[in-house]
Amino acid sequence: MGLYRIILVDDEEEVRKGIIKKINWETLGFEVVGDAENGQDALEKIEQLEPDVIMTDIRMPYMDGLELIAKIRQKYPSMKVLIFSGYDDFEYAQQAIKLNVTEYILKPVNVEELTEILTRVRENLDKEIEQRRNLDLLRDSYLKSLPILRELFLNELISGNGKEDTEKRLKEYEIDLLGARKWVTAVIGIEPEAGPLAHHQELIPISVRRLIEDNLKPYCRNAVFATSEGLALIVAIDDDKTKTALIDQLGDICKECRRILEVTVTIGIGHSSQSLEELGASYQSAVDALGYKAIVGPGSTIYINDMEPVNRGKLQFDAKEEAELIGAIKFGGREKIEEMVHQITARMEDAKVHVRQQQIYMMAVINALMRLIQQYDLNASEVLQVPEKYQEIPDAMQNREEFEEWLIRTACRISEMMGRERDNTAKRMILDAKQYIQENYQNPDLSVEMVCRQLHLSPAYFSTMFKKETGQTYVGYLTQLRLDKAVELLNTTDDKTYIIAQKVGYQEQNYFSYVFKKRFGVSPTRFRQAQ
């Protein structure tokens, strides 16, 4: 392990320097990265230096140790805190326990005792890191999580959001579905009933699931899992199996559920799929099949082909393709966009359909781009780069090659404009933040959280972006602004120091004087006299 970073906080400089000199920090596994003389000062140092451990006194001006610890617990809950105090007070100890303080040390600090405590803290930190890195524990945790990971992955697969690593993840999660001739998806609907399990409704899906698994196991490879619609089933149809036989098996399962569990089960069966990546469409058709329960009645199988005409020459721009195209535009470069566009237009070549259906397909793709332009409030005329209203679009729809060129060109323009818009949004956010801070710096309670509530941002993201754009932390910027305003008031008014302190957002005159002197080297009064 590397050295752990520690900050010492005490209003007496002699105490801080004395402790720093007395201890052989590096030998104990620590590095003193800073020290502070009060809680306010410490919070700024913590934000800048990101220590692992804080060692603080309780009684300090401006912000005491307990208030500091409360703020640390709010923002840095995992940070270790040691209190060293001259007060052997039960009430202090109680509050320290509530704030999850690691150690409570009484002054004067004894070198041997502190060495022992720091050794213990280092060992605990080492142990925490070791536990998080421990392969056996991680593997054990992974195995316990495996059923949940399987369910999440299977839900992802049928939602049409399957990734390129589908085969790898099926093997990793030990789901036996690979290498089939085709796949079929089904949705199982369960009716609530007054059977033997009536008083244990939560057990009914488990019982049905087990019955399905037991009955299908000798016949085919399958996966049964829970979805938002209830239970779902993916079946791998191998060369020696047929879909017709599967439907018969599922029909028998509906009867068995009625006979054994006294539960009415209806199974919607979708179109077959030639690849695992197409399971999203199969699943949606199974959901549609189950929807016909209101017409056919419950308690049996409903095959989508029995309910809806089969269109073998269908060319459709589905949600999965749209998501992939939008993803390429948002996060991929030109190469990724070209690859995705080529896939889209290749489908037009493969599907032997009437030219009108090809044009409907093109319009669906164009509509997806238009929605993206609208969502990000981009200038449509600039994206399309034509003076006459959308004249380029009908021209592009004359043939596949022209459409592919137009689509790559337009998608790349949208991608570039979105990148510029992201940069501009960050800059606008910082400008809005600065304006809000300038309008409210007089408020002594002005905090990152208040600014973020105004801008509808998370504090972590705001703090990162603010420092990136300005080169300063939020606290550093606010302090500089308040002190600049204070200098202005000292030079242009006869207001007393405590009035100026209040006007620039400091409730305590003493703390204002402390911060002012820290920056300018003299007190506000001497600064005014010098001017």
Protein backbone atom coordinates (compact mmCIF):
# COMPACT_ATOMS: atom_id res chain seq x y z
CA MET A 1 0.00 0.00 0.00
CA GLY A 2 1.14 3.60 -0.58
CA LEU A 3 1.29 6.29 2.08
CA TYR A 4 -2.06 7.48 3.45
CA ARG A 5 -2.66 11.24 3.32
CA ILE A 6 -3.43 13.05 6.58
CA ILE A 7 -4.30 16.66 7.54
CA LEU A 8 -3.90 18.10 11.07
CA VAL A 9 -6.37 20.73 12.30
CA ASP A 10 -5.73 22.81 15.45
CA ASP A 11 -5.93 26.54 16.19
CA GLU A 12 -2.56 26.44 17.98
CA GLU A 13 0.29 26.39 15.49
CA GLU A 14 2.74 25.14 18.14
CA VAL A 15 0.56 22.07 18.77
CA ARG A 16 0.31 21.28 15.03
CA LYS A 17 4.02 21.73 14.37
CA GLY A 18 4.90 19.83 17.53
CA ILE A 19 2.84 16.77 16.52
CA ILE A 20 4.21 16.87 12.97
CA LYS A 21 7.81 16.91 14.29
CA LYS A 22 7.31 14.26 17.00
CA ILE A 23 5.97 11.48 14.77
CA ASN A 24 7.86 9.49 12.14
CA TRP A 25 4.92 9.61 9.74
CA GLU A 26 6.43 7.76 6.79
CA THR A 27 7.44 4.79 8.93
CA LEU A 28 3.83 4.55 10.15
CA GLY A 29 2.53 4.67 6.56
CA PHE A 30 1.33 8.30 6.49
CA GLU A 31 2.16 11.54 4.72
CA VAL A 32 1.14 14.89 6.26
CA VAL A 33 -0.18 16.75 3.21
CA GLY A 34 -1.36 19.86 5.06
CA ASP A 35 -2.48 21.51 8.27
CA ALA A 36 -5.20 24.02 9.13
CA GLU A 37 -5.97 26.29 12.08
CA ASN A 38 -9.77 26.08 12.00
CA GLY A 39 -12.66 24.13 10.48
CA GLN A 40 -13.29 26.57 7.60
CA ASP A 41 -9.65 26.45 6.59
CA ALA A 42 -9.68 22.65 6.90
CA LEU A 43 -12.67 22.24 4.56
CA GLU A 44 -10.84 24.16 1.82
CA LYS A 45 -7.71 22.04 2.33
CA ILE A 46 -9.76 18.81 2.27
CA GLU A 47 -11.34 19.77 -1.06
CA GLN A 48 -7.92 20.53 -2.56
CA LEU A 49 -5.78 17.78 -1.00
CA GLU A 50 -8.24 14.84 -0.71
CA PRO A 51 -6.78 13.24 2.46
CA ASP A 52 -7.60 9.77 3.79
CA VAL A 53 -7.48 10.85 7.46
CA ILE A 54 -8.29 14.06 9.36
CA MET A 55 -6.89 14.65 12.83
CA THR A 56 -8.70 17.58 14.48
CA ASP A 57 -9.10 19.47 17.73
CA ILE A 58 -12.63 20.26 18.98
CA ARG A 59 -12.38 23.78 20.41
CA MET A 60 -11.44 26.12 17.52
CA PRO A 61 -12.68 29.56 16.38
CA TYR A 62 -15.01 30.15 13.38
CA MET A 63 -15.91 26.46 13.00
CA ASP A 64 -15.26 23.94 15.77
CA GLY A 65 -14.17 20.34 15.29
CA LEU A 66 -17.60 18.78 15.72
CA GLU A 67 -19.15 21.04 13.09
CA LEU A 68 -16.22 20.25 10.79
CA ILE A 69 -16.72 16.50 11.30
CA ALA A 70 -20.46 16.83 10.60
CA LYS A 71 -19.66 18.49 7.25
CA ILE A 72 -17.00 15.86 6.47
CA ARG A 73 -19.49 13.06 7.19
CA GLN A 74 -21.98 14.71 4.83
CA LYS A 75 -19.55 15.10 1.92
CA TYR A 76 -16.82 12.49 2.57
CA PRO A 77 -18.53 9.68 4.53
CA SER A 78 -15.64 7.19 4.20
CA MET A 79 -12.93 9.55 5.52
CA LYS A 80 -11.32 8.54 8.84
CA VAL A 81 -11.48 11.18 11.58
CA LEU A 82 -9.37 11.32 14.75
CA ILE A 83 -10.19 13.82 17.52
CA PHE A 84 -7.44 15.07 19.84
CA SER A 85 -8.82 17.32 22.55
CA GLY A 86 -7.95 18.74 25.94
CA TYR A 87 -11.53 18.12 27.09
CA ASP A 88 -12.34 14.78 28.73
CA ASP A 89 -16.04 15.51 28.35
CA PHE A 90 -18.67 12.75 28.13
CA GLU A 91 -20.94 14.93 25.95
CA TYR A 92 -18.14 15.50 23.43
CA ALA A 93 -17.39 11.78 23.37
CA GLN A 94 -21.08 11.04 22.78
CA GLN A 95 -21.25 13.42 19.82
CA ALA A 96 -18.02 11.97 18.45
CA ILE A 97 -19.52 8.46 18.54
CA LYS A 98 -22.63 9.72 16.70
CA LEU A 99 -20.36 11.23 14.03
CA ASN A 100 -18.54 7.90 13.61
CA VAL A 101 -15.19 9.22 14.81
CA THR A 102 -12.41 6.60 14.59
CA GLU A 103 -10.43 7.62 17.72
CA TYR A 104 -10.77 10.15 20.57
CA ILE A 105 -7.32 11.19 21.92
CA LEU A 106 -6.76 13.38 24.96
CA LYS A 107 -4.18 16.19 24.98
CA PRO A 108 -1.33 16.46 25.65
CA VAL A 109 -0.68 13.98 22.87
CA ASN A 110 1.66 11.20 23.91
CA VAL A 111 4.00 10.02 21.13
CA GLU A 112 3.72 6.33 22.07
CA GLU A 113 -0.07 6.46 22.32
CA LEU A 114 -0.43 8.36 19.02
CA THR A 115 1.98 5.97 17.28
CA GLU A 116 -0.13 3.04 18.49
CA ILE A 117 -3.36 4.71 17.32
CA LEU A 118 -1.94 5.63 13.89
CA THR A 119 -0.66 2.07 13.46
CA ARG A 120 -4.17 0.79 14.23
CA VAL A 121 -5.75 3.26 11.78
CA ARG A 122 -3.28 2.26 9.05
CA GLU A 123 -3.97 -1.44 9.64
CA ASN A 124 -7.72 -0.81 9.37
CA LEU A 125 -7.24 1.16 6.15
CA ASP A 126 -5.03 -1.61 4.77
CA LYS A 127 -7.62 -4.20 5.73
CA GLU A 128 -10.45 -2.27 4.04
CA ILE A 129 -8.48 -1.99 0.81
CA GLU A 130 -7.37 -5.61 1.01
CA GLN A 131 -10.97 -6.75 1.48
CA ARG A 132 -12.10 -4.76 -1.54
CA ARG A 133 -9.28 -6.27 -3.61
CA ASN A 134 -9.49 -9.79 -2.18
CA LEU A 135 -10.13 -12.10 -5.13
CA ASP A 136 -11.74 -14.85 -3.04
CA LEU A 137 -14.20 -12.41 -1.48
CA LEU A 138 -14.87 -10.80 -4.86
CA ARG A 139 -15.44 -14.21 -6.42
CA ASP A 140 -17.75 -15.23 -3.58
CA SER A 141 -19.66 -11.97 -3.95
CA TYR A 142 -19.84 -12.51 -7.71
CA LEU A 143 -21.25 -16.04 -7.31
CA LYS A 144 -23.89 -14.76 -4.89
CA SER A 145 -24.80 -12.05 -7.41
CA LEU A 146 -24.83 -14.44 -10.38
CA PRO A 147 -28.62 -15.14 -10.36
CA ILE A 148 -29.31 -11.39 -10.34
CA LEU A 149 -26.73 -10.78 -13.10
CA ARG A 150 -28.33 -13.53 -15.20
CA GLU A 151 -31.79 -11.99 -14.84
CA LEU A 152 -30.50 -8.49 -15.68
CA PHE A 153 -28.65 -9.79 -18.73
CA LEU A 154 -31.63 -11.77 -20.05
CA ASN A 155 -33.88 -8.73 -19.60
CA GLU A 156 -31.31 -6.67 -21.49
CA LEU A 157 -31.28 -9.29 -24.27
CA ILE A 158 -35.06 -9.26 -24.83
CA SER A 159 -35.24 -5.47 -24.63
CA GLY A 160 -33.19 -5.25 -27.82
CA ASN A 161 -30.22 -3.68 -26.02
CA GLY A 162 -27.96 -6.72 -26.30
CA LYS A 163 -24.28 -5.89 -26.73
CA GLU A 164 -21.54 -7.33 -28.90
CA ASP A 165 -20.35 -9.55 -26.03
CA THR A 166 -23.61 -11.57 -25.90
CA GLU A 167 -21.87 -14.90 -26.56
CA LYS A 168 -19.19 -14.22 -23.94
CA ARG A 169 -21.76 -13.27 -21.29
CA LEU A 170 -23.96 -16.29 -21.99
CA LYS A 171 -20.93 -18.49 -21.29
CA GLU A 172 -19.90 -16.45 -18.25
CA TYR A 173 -23.38 -16.64 -16.71
CA GLU A 174 -23.70 -20.33 -17.67
CA ILE A 175 -26.87 -19.81 -19.74
CA ASP A 176 -27.12 -22.69 -22.22
CA LEU A 177 -28.62 -21.02 -25.32
CA LEU A 178 -25.75 -20.80 -27.83
CA GLY A 179 -25.53 -22.67 -31.15
CA ALA A 180 -29.25 -23.18 -31.82
CA ARG A 181 -30.91 -23.27 -35.26
CA LYS A 182 -33.28 -20.54 -34.06
CA TRP A 183 -34.74 -19.11 -30.85
CA VAL A 184 -38.29 -18.52 -29.63
CA THR A 185 -39.43 -16.17 -26.87
CA ALA A 186 -42.57 -16.61 -24.79
CA VAL A 187 -44.32 -14.57 -22.07
CA ILE A 188 -46.14 -16.31 -19.22
CA GLY A 189 -49.19 -14.62 -17.75
CA ILE A 190 -50.44 -15.85 -14.35
CA GLU A 191 -53.99 -15.24 -13.12
CA PRO A 192 -54.45 -14.59 -9.36
CA GLU A 193 -56.70 -17.36 -8.02
CA ALA A 194 -58.12 -18.88 -4.83
CA GLY A 195 -56.21 -22.17 -5.01
CA PRO A 196 -53.92 -23.89 -2.47
CA LEU A 197 -51.43 -21.01 -2.81
CA ALA A 198 -54.06 -18.27 -2.50
CA HIS A 199 -52.66 -17.06 0.84
CA HIS A 200 -49.09 -17.14 -0.51
CA GLN A 201 -49.39 -15.12 -3.73
CA GLU A 202 -45.65 -14.38 -3.73
CA LEU A 203 -44.93 -18.11 -4.09
CA ILE A 204 -47.12 -18.61 -7.19
CA PRO A 205 -44.60 -17.27 -9.80
CA ILE A 206 -41.85 -19.37 -8.16
CA SER A 207 -44.01 -22.52 -8.35
CA VAL A 208 -44.97 -21.85 -12.00
CA ARG A 209 -41.35 -21.13 -12.89
CA ARG A 210 -40.16 -24.39 -11.33
CA LEU A 211 -42.88 -26.38 -13.11
CA ILE A 212 -41.90 -24.85 -16.49
CA GLU A 213 -38.20 -25.57 -15.90
CA ASP A 214 -38.87 -29.17 -14.83
CA ASN A 215 -41.17 -29.91 -17.78
CA LEU A 216 -38.99 -28.29 -20.45
CA LYS A 217 -35.61 -29.56 -19.20
CA PRO A 218 -35.82 -33.00 -20.90
CA TYR A 219 -37.07 -31.44 -24.14
CA CYS A 220 -35.03 -28.31 -24.88
CA ARG A 221 -32.42 -25.84 -23.69
CA ASN A 222 -34.12 -22.81 -22.19
CA ALA A 223 -33.97 -19.90 -19.75
CA VAL A 224 -36.91 -18.80 -17.57
CA PHE A 225 -36.64 -15.40 -15.86
CA ALA A 226 -38.66 -12.56 -14.36
CA THR A 227 -39.53 -9.38 -16.30
CA SER A 228 -41.77 -6.38 -15.72
CA GLU A 229 -44.56 -8.28 -17.56
CA GLY A 230 -44.19 -11.40 -15.36
CA LEU A 231 -42.24 -14.48 -16.41
CA ALA A 232 -40.43 -14.78 -19.74
CA LEU A 233 -38.96 -17.78 -21.53
CA ILE A 234 -36.25 -18.11 -24.19
CA VAL A 235 -36.03 -21.48 -25.91
CA ALA A 236 -33.17 -22.67 -28.13
CA ILE A 237 -34.64 -24.72 -31.02
CA ASP A 238 -31.96 -27.23 -32.07
CA ASP A 239 -31.86 -29.18 -35.35
CA ASP A 240 -33.81 -32.12 -33.93
CA LYS A 241 -36.59 -29.94 -32.46
CA THR A 242 -39.51 -28.00 -33.96
CA LYS A 243 -41.48 -24.95 -32.97
CA THR A 244 -44.75 -26.89 -33.32
CA ALA A 245 -43.57 -29.44 -30.77
CA LEU A 246 -42.55 -26.60 -28.42
CA ILE A 247 -46.03 -25.06 -28.65
CA ASP A 248 -47.50 -28.47 -27.72
CA GLN A 249 -45.13 -28.69 -24.72
CA LEU A 250 -46.14 -25.21 -23.55
CA GLY A 251 -49.83 -26.11 -23.98
CA ASP A 252 -49.28 -29.11 -21.72
CA ILE A 253 -47.59 -26.86 -19.14
CA CYS A 254 -50.71 -24.63 -19.06
CA LYS A 255 -52.79 -27.74 -18.25
CA GLU A 256 -50.31 -28.94 -15.60
CA CYS A 257 -50.41 -25.55 -13.86
CA ARG A 258 -54.20 -25.81 -13.70
CA ARG A 259 -54.14 -29.45 -12.49
CA ILE A 260 -51.29 -29.35 -9.95
CA LEU A 261 -51.10 -25.73 -8.77
CA GLU A 262 -54.73 -24.75 -9.51
CA VAL A 263 -53.38 -21.66 -11.22
CA THR A 264 -54.49 -20.38 -14.64
CA VAL A 265 -51.49 -19.75 -16.88
CA THR A 266 -51.58 -18.23 -20.39
CA ILE A 267 -48.47 -18.31 -22.58
CA GLY A 268 -47.93 -15.84 -25.43
CA ILE A 269 -45.49 -17.19 -28.05
CA GLY A 270 -43.61 -14.82 -30.35
CA HIS A 271 -42.05 -15.09 -33.79
CA SER A 272 -38.90 -17.17 -34.04
CA SER A 273 -35.57 -15.39 -34.24
CA GLN A 274 -32.59 -16.33 -36.39
CA SER A 275 -30.09 -14.64 -34.08
CA LEU A 276 -29.83 -13.76 -30.39
CA GLU A 277 -29.53 -10.09 -31.33
CA GLU A 278 -33.08 -10.21 -32.77
CA LEU A 279 -34.68 -11.53 -29.57
CA GLY A 280 -36.07 -8.07 -28.79
CA ALA A 281 -38.50 -8.34 -31.74
CA SER A 282 -39.39 -11.93 -30.81
CA TYR A 283 -40.15 -10.90 -27.23
CA GLN A 284 -42.30 -7.95 -28.31
CA SER A 285 -44.34 -10.22 -30.55
CA ALA A 286 -44.79 -12.63 -27.57
CA VAL A 287 -46.10 -9.70 -25.48
CA ASP A 288 -48.46 -8.84 -28.36
CA ALA A 289 -49.61 -12.49 -28.49
CA LEU A 290 -50.40 -12.50 -24.77
CA GLY A 291 -52.44 -9.34 -25.33
CA TYR A 292 -54.90 -11.42 -27.38
CA LYS A 293 -55.87 -13.23 -24.15
CA ALA A 294 -58.84 -10.84 -23.90
CA ILE A 295 -60.15 -12.28 -27.21
CA VAL A 296 -59.03 -15.92 -27.07
CA GLY A 297 -59.46 -16.38 -23.32
CA PRO A 298 -56.95 -17.43 -20.63
CA GLY A 299 -55.49 -20.81 -19.76
CA SER A 300 -53.73 -21.88 -22.99
CA THR A 301 -51.01 -20.93 -25.48
CA ILE A 302 -51.46 -18.05 -27.93
CA TYR A 303 -49.11 -18.07 -30.95
CA ILE A 304 -48.62 -14.68 -32.61
CA ASN A 305 -48.76 -16.17 -36.14
CA ASP A 306 -52.27 -17.48 -35.38
CA MET A 307 -53.41 -13.98 -34.45
CA GLU A 308 -51.63 -11.72 -36.97
CA PRO A 309 -50.81 -12.10 -40.68
CA VAL A 310 -47.17 -12.92 -41.43
CA ASN A 311 -45.39 -10.26 -43.50
CA ARG A 312 -42.27 -11.91 -44.85
CA GLY A 313 -41.00 -8.89 -46.73
CA LYS A 314 -41.14 -6.38 -43.90
CA LEU A 315 -38.52 -3.61 -43.71
CA GLN A 316 -38.77 -1.74 -40.43
CA PHE A 317 -36.49 0.72 -38.62
CA ASP A 318 -36.89 -0.64 -35.07
CA ALA A 319 -36.07 0.86 -31.65
CA LYS A 320 -32.80 -1.12 -31.40
CA GLU A 321 -31.46 0.27 -34.69
CA GLU A 322 -32.53 3.79 -33.73
CA ALA A 323 -30.76 3.52 -30.35
CA GLU A 324 -27.59 2.27 -32.05
CA LEU A 325 -27.64 5.09 -34.62
CA ILE A 326 -28.23 7.74 -31.94
CA GLY A 327 -25.47 6.16 -29.81
CA ALA A 328 -23.02 6.35 -32.73
CA ILE A 329 -23.89 10.03 -33.29
CA LYS A 330 -23.61 10.92 -29.60
CA PHE A 331 -20.53 8.94 -28.58
CA GLY A 332 -18.81 7.55 -31.69
CA GLY A 333 -16.60 9.27 -34.26
CA ARG A 334 -17.04 9.37 -38.02
CA GLU A 335 -15.88 5.75 -38.39
CA LYS A 336 -18.59 4.46 -36.01
CA ILE A 337 -21.25 6.58 -37.74
CA GLU A 338 -20.25 5.24 -41.17
CA GLU A 339 -20.34 1.66 -39.86
CA MET A 340 -23.83 2.12 -38.38
CA VAL A 341 -25.21 3.89 -41.48
CA HIS A 342 -23.86 1.12 -43.70
CA GLN A 343 -25.71 -1.48 -41.58
CA ILE A 344 -28.95 0.51 -41.92
CA THR A 345 -28.71 0.88 -45.70
CA ALA A 346 -27.53 -2.73 -46.16
CA ARG A 347 -30.90 -3.86 -44.77
CA MET A 348 -32.58 -1.99 -47.63
CA GLU A 349 -30.48 -3.99 -50.09
CA ASP A 350 -31.22 -7.32 -48.39
CA ALA A 351 -34.99 -6.77 -48.06
CA LYS A 352 -36.69 -7.42 -51.41
CA VAL A 353 -39.56 -4.96 -50.94
CA HIS A 354 -41.39 -2.34 -53.00
CA VAL A 355 -39.70 1.06 -53.41
CA ARG A 356 -42.52 2.68 -51.37
CA GLN A 357 -41.62 0.53 -48.37
CA GLN A 358 -37.95 1.53 -48.77
CA GLN A 359 -38.98 5.20 -48.71
CA ILE A 360 -41.07 4.66 -45.57
CA TYR A 361 -37.99 3.05 -43.99
CA MET A 362 -35.88 6.09 -45.00
CA MET A 363 -38.47 8.46 -43.54
CA ALA A 364 -38.34 6.55 -40.24
CA VAL A 365 -34.55 7.06 -40.15
CA ILE A 366 -34.92 10.75 -41.02
CA ASN A 367 -37.56 11.19 -38.30
CA ALA A 368 -35.14 9.71 -35.74
CA LEU A 369 -32.57 12.38 -36.75
CA MET A 370 -35.20 15.12 -36.59
CA ARG A 371 -36.15 14.05 -33.06
CA LEU A 372 -32.49 14.25 -32.06
CA ILE A 373 -32.17 17.73 -33.63
CA GLN A 374 -35.28 18.83 -31.72
CA GLN A 375 -34.16 17.23 -28.43
CA TYR A 376 -30.86 19.12 -28.46
CA ASP A 377 -32.41 22.29 -29.94
CA LEU A 378 -30.01 22.29 -32.90
CA ASN A 379 -30.52 24.53 -35.94
CA ALA A 380 -32.16 22.22 -38.51
CA SER A 381 -31.24 24.47 -41.49
CA GLU A 382 -27.59 24.47 -40.37
CA VAL A 383 -27.61 20.68 -39.93
CA LEU A 384 -29.10 20.12 -43.40
CA GLN A 385 -27.07 22.97 -44.96
CA VAL A 386 -29.66 23.92 -47.57
CA PRO A 387 -31.25 27.34 -48.20
CA GLU A 388 -34.53 25.83 -49.45
CA LYS A 389 -36.58 24.04 -46.82
CA TYR A 390 -35.41 20.40 -46.53
CA GLN A 391 -35.04 20.15 -50.33
CA GLU A 392 -32.07 17.82 -49.87
CA ILE A 393 -34.14 15.12 -48.13
CA PRO A 394 -36.45 14.17 -51.05
CA ASP A 395 -33.41 14.11 -53.36
CA ALA A 396 -31.57 11.75 -51.00
CA MET A 397 -34.51 9.35 -50.96
CA GLN A 398 -34.25 8.52 -54.67
CA ASN A 399 -31.83 5.61 -54.19
CA ARG A 400 -29.91 3.74 -51.52
CA GLU A 401 -26.44 5.08 -52.39
CA GLU A 402 -27.50 8.74 -52.29
CA PHE A 403 -29.40 8.14 -49.05
CA GLU A 404 -26.31 6.53 -47.46
CA GLU A 405 -24.11 9.52 -48.42
CA TRP A 406 -26.71 12.01 -47.16
CA LEU A 407 -27.18 10.09 -43.90
CA ILE A 408 -23.42 9.93 -43.14
CA ARG A 409 -23.02 13.64 -43.96
CA THR A 410 -25.99 14.71 -41.84
CA ALA A 411 -25.21 12.40 -38.89
CA CYS A 412 -21.61 13.70 -38.76
CA ARG A 413 -22.85 17.32 -38.76
CA ILE A 414 -25.24 16.55 -35.89
CA SER A 415 -22.40 14.86 -33.97
CA GLU A 416 -20.10 17.90 -34.43
CA MET A 417 -22.86 20.35 -33.41
CA MET A 418 -23.74 18.28 -30.33
CA GLY A 419 -20.07 18.32 -29.28
CA ARG A 420 -19.97 22.12 -29.63
CA GLU A 421 -23.28 22.37 -27.77
CA ARG A 422 -21.89 20.29 -24.86
CA ASP A 423 -18.88 22.61 -24.58
CA ASN A 424 -21.12 25.67 -24.78
CA THR A 425 -23.48 24.22 -22.18
CA ALA A 426 -20.59 23.74 -19.72
CA LYS A 427 -19.42 27.32 -20.31
CA ARG A 428 -22.97 28.66 -19.91
CA MET A 429 -23.36 26.65 -16.71
CA ILE A 430 -20.21 28.22 -15.23
CA LEU A 431 -21.31 31.72 -16.31
CA ASP A 432 -24.74 31.16 -14.69
CA ALA A 433 -23.02 29.88 -11.53
CA LYS A 434 -20.72 32.92 -11.38
CA GLN A 435 -23.65 35.26 -11.87
CA TYR A 436 -25.63 33.53 -9.10
CA ILE A 437 -22.61 33.67 -6.77
CA GLN A 438 -22.06 37.38 -7.56
CA GLU A 439 -25.73 38.10 -6.81
CA ASN A 440 -25.73 36.12 -3.54
CA TYR A 441 -22.18 36.32 -2.12
CA GLN A 442 -23.52 38.45 0.78
CA ASN A 443 -25.45 35.38 2.03
CA PRO A 444 -23.25 33.74 4.73
CA ASP A 445 -24.96 30.38 4.05
CA LEU A 446 -24.20 30.37 0.31
CA SER A 447 -22.98 26.84 -0.46
CA VAL A 448 -22.26 24.53 -3.39
CA GLU A 449 -25.58 22.80 -2.69
CA MET A 450 -27.49 26.10 -3.00
CA VAL A 451 -25.82 26.90 -6.32
CA CYS A 452 -26.50 23.37 -7.61
CA ARG A 453 -30.18 23.54 -6.62
CA GLN A 454 -30.43 26.75 -8.65
CA LEU A 455 -28.70 25.17 -11.68
CA HIS A 456 -30.31 21.68 -11.27
CA LEU A 457 -26.92 19.94 -11.15
CA SER A 458 -25.23 17.45 -8.85
CA PRO A 459 -22.58 18.99 -6.51
CA ALA A 460 -19.90 16.48 -7.60
CA TYR A 461 -20.34 17.26 -11.33
CA PHE A 462 -20.57 21.01 -10.69
CA SER A 463 -17.41 21.05 -8.55
CA THR A 464 -15.45 19.13 -11.21
CA MET A 465 -16.65 21.35 -14.08
CA PHE A 466 -16.18 24.57 -12.08
CA LYS A 467 -12.55 23.74 -11.30
CA LYS A 468 -11.92 22.61 -14.89
CA GLU A 469 -13.36 25.81 -16.41
CA THR A 470 -12.08 28.36 -13.85
CA GLY A 471 -8.96 26.73 -12.40
CA GLN A 472 -10.37 27.40 -8.90
CA THR A 473 -12.45 25.47 -6.41
CA TYR A 474 -15.89 26.87 -5.61
CA VAL A 475 -14.75 27.86 -2.09
CA GLY A 476 -11.62 29.53 -3.47
CA TYR A 477 -13.64 31.52 -6.03
CA LEU A 478 -16.24 32.62 -3.45
CA THR A 479 -13.53 33.67 -0.96
CA GLN A 480 -11.70 35.67 -3.64
CA LEU A 481 -14.92 37.39 -4.72
CA ARG A 482 -15.86 38.30 -1.13
CA LEU A 483 -12.38 39.67 -0.38
CA ASP A 484 -12.31 41.70 -3.62
CA LYS A 485 -15.68 43.22 -2.65
CA ALA A 486 -14.32 43.87 0.85
CA VAL A 487 -11.31 45.75 -0.59
CA GLU A 488 -13.70 47.80 -2.72
CA LEU A 489 -15.75 48.74 0.36
CA LEU A 490 -12.61 49.54 2.41
CA ASN A 491 -11.46 51.90 -0.34
CA THR A 492 -14.79 53.60 -1.10
CA THR A 493 -16.72 53.71 2.22
CA ASP A 494 -16.20 54.63 5.86
CA ASP A 495 -18.05 51.50 7.04
CA LYS A 496 -16.60 49.82 10.09
CA THR A 497 -14.89 46.46 9.61
CA TYR A 498 -17.72 44.41 11.12
CA ILE A 499 -20.24 46.09 8.76
CA ILE A 500 -18.05 45.29 5.74
CA ALA A 501 -17.69 41.69 6.97
CA GLN A 502 -21.48 41.30 7.07
CA LYS A 503 -21.88 42.96 3.65
CA VAL A 504 -19.56 40.45 2.00
CA GLY A 505 -21.01 37.34 3.65
CA TYR A 506 -19.03 36.87 6.89
CA GLN A 507 -21.06 36.66 10.08
CA GLU A 508 -18.00 36.83 12.33
CA GLN A 509 -15.72 39.85 12.12
CA ASN A 510 -12.82 37.87 13.59
CA TYR A 511 -13.03 35.20 10.92
CA PHE A 512 -13.30 37.87 8.20
CA SER A 513 -10.13 39.52 9.57
CA TYR A 514 -8.39 36.12 9.68
CA VAL A 515 -9.23 35.32 6.03
CA PHE A 516 -8.38 38.88 4.92
CA LYS A 517 -4.98 38.81 6.66
CA LYS A 518 -4.25 35.38 5.25
CA ARG A 519 -4.57 36.76 1.73
CA PHE A 520 -3.23 40.32 2.03
CA GLY A 521 -0.80 39.90 4.93
CA VAL A 522 -2.41 42.67 7.01
CA SER A 523 -5.72 43.17 8.85
CA PRO A 524 -8.56 45.08 7.12
CA THR A 525 -7.94 48.11 9.40
CA ARG A 526 -4.20 48.29 8.54
CA PHE A 527 -5.03 47.75 4.85
CA ARG A 528 -7.35 50.79 4.92
CA GLN A 529 -4.75 52.88 6.73
CA ALA A 530 -2.12 51.93 4.17
CA GLN A 531 -4.38 53.00 1.34
